């Protein structure tokens, strides 16, 4: 091989790698990426209160229509939506800007049975359903059912 052929081969490989990298970056940038966390905190009266935290990790704003929990049922799943307390006089539907976060709290009379919770969910304006991790709910459910543990705040990643 001559020197010019080697240089051409190297430049062609570098160009291909950069093209693939740019395509991947553009594709991942335009995706909707939400992170849903759930946990509980103690309110002013010392009672445990569930919350769902929704973070927009993407570069595109999204509109939240509903926030709630997916509940376990025998043979099927059921969604449990609620009217959350968002704070700062925010209401649903809510436009969530890129890299913004909102936390929705359950009202005391709306809390579902904790042992039936599978995972948190957020429904977007187009009807798309985003589910959070169900791994943390085993720990959360155990913590909420045990009367001996009384933390001031806890979040399950």
C-alpha atoms as a PDB file:
ATOM      1  CA  UNK A   1       0.000   0.000   0.000  1.00  0.00           C
ATOM      2  CA  UNK A   2       1.156   3.465  -0.808  1.00  0.00           C
ATOM      3  CA  UNK A   3       1.178   6.318   1.657  1.00  0.00           C
ATOM      4  CA  UNK A   4      -1.703   8.092  -0.065  1.00  0.00           C
ATOM      5  CA  UNK A   5      -3.867   4.973   0.176  1.00  0.00           C
ATOM      6  CA  UNK A   6      -3.127   4.604   3.883  1.00  0.00           C
ATOM      7  CA  UNK A   7      -3.933   8.269   4.563  1.00  0.00           C
ATOM      8  CA  UNK A   8      -7.166   7.963   2.544  1.00  0.00           C
ATOM      9  CA  UNK A   9      -8.163   4.845   4.485  1.00  0.00           C
ATOM     10  CA  UNK A  10      -7.489   6.513   7.849  1.00  0.00           C
ATOM     11  CA  UNK A  11      -9.405   9.677   6.890  1.00  0.00           C
ATOM     12  CA  UNK A  12     -12.309   7.589   5.589  1.00  0.00           C
ATOM     13  CA  UNK A  13     -12.469   5.620   8.881  1.00  0.00           C
ATOM     14  CA  UNK A  14     -12.357   8.828  10.942  1.00  0.00           C
ATOM     15  CA  UNK A  15     -15.122  10.376   8.806  1.00  0.00           C
ATOM     16  CA  UNK A  16     -17.300   7.298   9.180  1.00  0.00           C
ATOM     17  CA  UNK A  17     -16.825   7.252  12.960  1.00  0.00           C
ATOM     18  CA  UNK A  18     -17.681  10.953  13.236  1.00  0.00           C
ATOM     19  CA  UNK A  19     -20.777  10.504  11.060  1.00  0.00           C
ATOM     20  CA  UNK A  20     -22.064   7.633  13.202  1.00  0.00           C
ATOM     21  CA  UNK A  21     -21.324   9.570  16.403  1.00  0.00           C
ATOM     22  CA  UNK A  22     -23.168  12.653  15.120  1.00  0.00           C
ATOM     23  CA  UNK A  23     -26.188  10.575  14.059  1.00  0.00           C
ATOM     24  CA  UNK A  24     -26.378   8.920  17.490  1.00  0.00           C
ATOM     25  CA  UNK A  25     -26.091  12.262  19.289  1.00  0.00           C
ATOM     26  CA  UNK A  26     -28.826  13.849  17.146  1.00  0.00           C
ATOM     27  CA  UNK A  27     -31.143  10.873  17.633  1.00  0.00           C
ATOM     28  CA  UNK A  28     -30.682  10.746  21.416  1.00  0.00           C
ATOM     29  CA  UNK A  29     -31.044  14.523  21.752  1.00  0.00           C
ATOM     30  CA  UNK A  30     -34.537  14.521  20.216  1.00  0.00           C
ATOM     31  CA  UNK A  31     -35.879  11.706  22.402  1.00  0.00           C
ATOM     32  CA  UNK A  32     -38.218  12.237  25.329  1.00  0.00           C
ATOM     33  CA  UNK A  33     -36.398  11.167  28.473  1.00  0.00           C
ATOM     34  CA  UNK A  34     -38.149  11.327  31.831  1.00  0.00           C
ATOM     35  CA  UNK A  35     -36.932  10.083  35.182  1.00  0.00           C
ATOM     36  CA  UNK A  36     -39.596   9.160  37.719  1.00  0.00           C
ATOM     37  CA  UNK A  37     -38.732   8.830  41.381  1.00  0.00           C
ATOM     38  CA  UNK A  38     -41.107   8.030  44.155  1.00  0.00           C
ATOM     39  CA  UNK A  39     -40.881   8.041  47.874  1.00  0.00           C
ATOM     40  CA  UNK A  40     -42.456   9.463  50.968  1.00  0.00           C
ATOM     41  CA  UNK A  41     -41.882  12.236  53.429  1.00  0.00           C
ATOM     42  CA  UNK A  42     -43.423  13.120  56.748  1.00  0.00           C
ATOM     43  CA  UNK A  43     -45.828  16.041  56.645  1.00  0.00           C
ATOM     44  CA  UNK A  44     -46.309  18.644  59.384  1.00  0.00           C
ATOM     45  CA  UNK A  45     -48.432  16.189  61.418  1.00  0.00           C
ATOM     46  CA  UNK A  46     -45.800  13.430  61.247  1.00  0.00           C
ATOM     47  CA  UNK A  47     -47.802  11.264  58.838  1.00  0.00           C
ATOM     48  CA  UNK A  48     -46.132   9.613  55.860  1.00  0.00           C
ATOM     49  CA  UNK A  49     -47.140  11.092  52.523  1.00  0.00           C
ATOM     50  CA  UNK A  50     -46.343   9.593  49.099  1.00  0.00           C
ATOM     51  CA  UNK A  51     -44.880  11.645  46.253  1.00  0.00           C
ATOM     52  CA  UNK A  52     -43.847  11.192  42.619  1.00  0.00           C
ATOM     53  CA  UNK A  53     -41.008  13.308  41.257  1.00  0.00           C
ATOM     54  CA  UNK A  54     -40.822  13.753  37.458  1.00  0.00           C
ATOM     55  CA  UNK A  55     -37.573  15.043  35.910  1.00  0.00           C
ATOM     56  CA  UNK A  56     -37.242  15.944  32.225  1.00  0.00           C
ATOM     57  CA  UNK A  57     -33.745  14.817  31.186  1.00  0.00           C
ATOM     58  CA  UNK A  58     -34.245  15.557  27.487  1.00  0.00           C
ATOM     59  CA  UNK A  59     -33.767  18.660  25.386  1.00  0.00           C
ATOM     60  CA  UNK A  60     -37.462  18.819  24.393  1.00  0.00           C
ATOM     61  CA  UNK A  61     -40.196  20.232  26.648  1.00  0.00           C
ATOM     62  CA  UNK A  62     -43.014  17.818  27.515  1.00  0.00           C
ATOM     63  CA  UNK A  63     -46.543  18.339  28.755  1.00  0.00           C
ATOM     64  CA  UNK A  64     -47.636  16.223  31.710  1.00  0.00           C
ATOM     65  CA  UNK A  65     -51.310  15.246  31.666  1.00  0.00           C
ATOM     66  CA  UNK A  66     -51.458  12.814  34.591  1.00  0.00           C
ATOM     67  CA  UNK A  67     -49.200  11.480  37.311  1.00  0.00           C
ATOM     68  CA  UNK A  68     -49.926   8.423  39.405  1.00  0.00           C
ATOM     69  CA  UNK A  69     -49.103   4.813  40.176  1.00  0.00           C
ATOM     70  CA  UNK A  70     -49.517   1.560  38.305  1.00  0.00           C
ATOM     71  CA  UNK A  71     -51.268  -0.823  40.690  1.00  0.00           C
ATOM     72  CA  UNK A  72     -50.891  -4.599  40.848  1.00  0.00           C
ATOM     73  CA  UNK A  73     -54.006  -6.622  40.165  1.00  0.00           C
ATOM     74  CA  UNK A  74     -54.424 -10.297  39.688  1.00  0.00           C
ATOM     75  CA  UNK A  75     -53.960 -11.039  36.000  1.00  0.00           C
ATOM     76  CA  UNK A  76     -53.802  -7.394  34.842  1.00  0.00           C
ATOM     77  CA  UNK A  77     -52.627  -3.906  35.716  1.00  0.00           C
ATOM     78  CA  UNK A  78     -54.602  -0.854  36.698  1.00  0.00           C
ATOM     79  CA  UNK A  79     -53.479   2.778  36.691  1.00  0.00           C
ATOM     80  CA  UNK A  80     -54.208   4.932  39.722  1.00  0.00           C
ATOM     81  CA  UNK A  81     -54.259   8.619  38.768  1.00  0.00           C
ATOM     82  CA  UNK A  82     -54.695  11.311  41.355  1.00  0.00           C
ATOM     83  CA  UNK A  83     -55.051  15.047  41.595  1.00  0.00           C
ATOM     84  CA  UNK A  84     -51.643  15.979  42.918  1.00  0.00           C
ATOM     85  CA  UNK A  85     -50.532  18.882  45.035  1.00  0.00           C
ATOM     86  CA  UNK A  86     -47.764  20.417  42.920  1.00  0.00           C
ATOM     87  CA  UNK A  87     -46.953  23.510  44.952  1.00  0.00           C
ATOM     88  CA  UNK A  88     -46.337  27.031  43.673  1.00  0.00           C
ATOM     89  CA  UNK A  89     -49.959  27.092  42.388  1.00  0.00           C
ATOM     90  CA  UNK A  90     -49.148  24.696  39.524  1.00  0.00           C
ATOM     91  CA  UNK A  91     -51.827  22.414  38.078  1.00  0.00           C
ATOM     92  CA  UNK A  92     -51.973  19.615  35.538  1.00  0.00           C
ATOM     93  CA  UNK A  93     -51.606  19.697  32.565  1.00  0.00           C
ATOM     94  CA  UNK A  94     -48.160  21.179  33.113  1.00  0.00           C
ATOM     95  CA  UNK A  95     -45.427  22.042  30.616  1.00  0.00           C
ATOM     96  CA  UNK A  96     -42.154  20.617  31.888  1.00  0.00           C
ATOM     97  CA  UNK A  97     -39.199  22.434  30.347  1.00  0.00           C
ATOM     98  CA  UNK A  98     -35.889  20.684  29.543  1.00  0.00           C
ATOM     99  CA  UNK A  99     -33.951  19.695  32.679  1.00  0.00           C
ATOM    100  CA  UNK A 100     -36.817  20.824  34.935  1.00  0.00           C
ATOM    101  CA  UNK A 101     -38.398  18.795  37.732  1.00  0.00           C
ATOM    102  CA  UNK A 102     -41.781  18.765  39.416  1.00  0.00           C
ATOM    103  CA  UNK A 103     -42.876  16.853  42.511  1.00  0.00           C
ATOM    104  CA  UNK A 104     -46.481  15.730  42.910  1.00  0.00           C
ATOM    105  CA  UNK A 105     -47.753  14.860  46.397  1.00  0.00           C
ATOM    106  CA  UNK A 106     -50.736  12.690  47.217  1.00  0.00           C
ATOM    107  CA  UNK A 107     -53.472  14.232  49.282  1.00  0.00           C
ATOM    108  CA  UNK A 108     -54.088  12.233  52.439  1.00  0.00           C
ATOM    109  CA  UNK A 109     -57.504  10.977  51.298  1.00  0.00           C
ATOM    110  CA  UNK A 110     -56.108   9.824  47.929  1.00  0.00           C
ATOM    111  CA  UNK A 111     -53.296   7.529  49.028  1.00  0.00           C
ATOM    112  CA  UNK A 112     -53.543   4.048  47.506  1.00  0.00           C
ATOM    113  CA  UNK A 113     -52.724   0.845  49.388  1.00  0.00           C
ATOM    114  CA  UNK A 114     -48.921   0.805  49.367  1.00  0.00           C
ATOM    115  CA  UNK A 115     -48.614  -2.966  49.013  1.00  0.00           C
ATOM    116  CA  UNK A 116     -50.524  -2.790  45.685  1.00  0.00           C
ATOM    117  CA  UNK A 117     -48.210  -0.193  44.074  1.00  0.00           C
ATOM    118  CA  UNK A 118     -46.072  -1.486  41.229  1.00  0.00           C
ATOM    119  CA  UNK A 119     -44.398   1.675  39.884  1.00  0.00           C
ATOM    120  CA  UNK A 120     -44.998   5.404  39.280  1.00  0.00           C
ATOM    121  CA  UNK A 121     -46.143   6.638  35.880  1.00  0.00           C
ATOM    122  CA  UNK A 122     -46.512   9.892  33.990  1.00  0.00           C
ATOM    123  CA  UNK A 123     -48.860  10.339  31.036  1.00  0.00           C
ATOM    124  CA  UNK A 124     -47.818  12.887  28.428  1.00  0.00           C
ATOM    125  CA  UNK A 125     -49.953  15.051  26.127  1.00  0.00           C
ATOM    126  CA  UNK A 126     -49.769  12.646  23.184  1.00  0.00           C
ATOM    127  CA  UNK A 127     -51.023   9.762  25.317  1.00  0.00           C
ATOM    128  CA  UNK A 128     -47.540   8.316  25.817  1.00  0.00           C
ATOM    129  CA  UNK A 129     -47.144   6.518  29.140  1.00  0.00           C
ATOM    130  CA  UNK A 130     -43.761   6.630  30.898  1.00  0.00           C
ATOM    131  CA  UNK A 131     -43.257   4.222  33.802  1.00  0.00           C
ATOM    132  CA  UNK A 132     -40.701   4.563  36.552  1.00  0.00           C
ATOM    133  CA  UNK A 133     -38.625   1.846  38.128  1.00  0.00           C
ATOM    134  CA  UNK A 134     -40.528  -0.728  40.152  1.00  0.00           C
ATOM    135  CA  UNK A 135     -37.348  -1.926  41.860  1.00  0.00           C
ATOM    136  CA  UNK A 136     -37.501   0.754  44.532  1.00  0.00           C
ATOM    137  CA  UNK A 137     -41.096   0.025  45.478  1.00  0.00           C
ATOM    138  CA  UNK A 138     -40.221  -3.145  47.322  1.00  0.00           C
ATOM    139  CA  UNK A 139     -38.084  -1.049  49.683  1.00  0.00           C
ATOM    140  CA  UNK A 140     -40.646   1.762  49.828  1.00  0.00           C
ATOM    141  CA  UNK A 141     -43.534  -0.571  50.546  1.00  0.00           C
ATOM    142  CA  UNK A 142     -41.591  -2.300  53.307  1.00  0.00           C
ATOM    143  CA  UNK A 143     -40.585   1.036  54.851  1.00  0.00           C
ATOM    144  CA  UNK A 144     -44.134   2.419  54.792  1.00  0.00           C
ATOM    145  CA  UNK A 145     -45.607  -0.698  56.381  1.00  0.00           C
ATOM    146  CA  UNK A 146     -43.088  -0.873  59.227  1.00  0.00           C
ATOM    147  CA  UNK A 147     -44.174   1.290  62.190  1.00  0.00           C
ATOM    148  CA  UNK A 148     -40.724   1.171  63.815  1.00  0.00           C
ATOM    149  CA  UNK A 149     -39.059   3.248  61.135  1.00  0.00           C
ATOM    150  CA  UNK A 150     -39.924   6.945  61.310  1.00  0.00           C
ATOM    151  CA  UNK A 151     -37.568   8.924  59.038  1.00  0.00           C
ATOM    152  CA  UNK A 152     -38.094  12.559  58.273  1.00  0.00           C
ATOM    153  CA  UNK A 153     -37.571  12.108  54.541  1.00  0.00           C
ATOM    154  CA  UNK A 154     -36.700   9.343  52.130  1.00  0.00           C
ATOM    155  CA  UNK A 155     -36.575   8.879  48.378  1.00  0.00           C
ATOM    156  CA  UNK A 156     -36.193   5.673  46.451  1.00  0.00           C
ATOM    157  CA  UNK A 157     -34.064   6.081  43.257  1.00  0.00           C
END
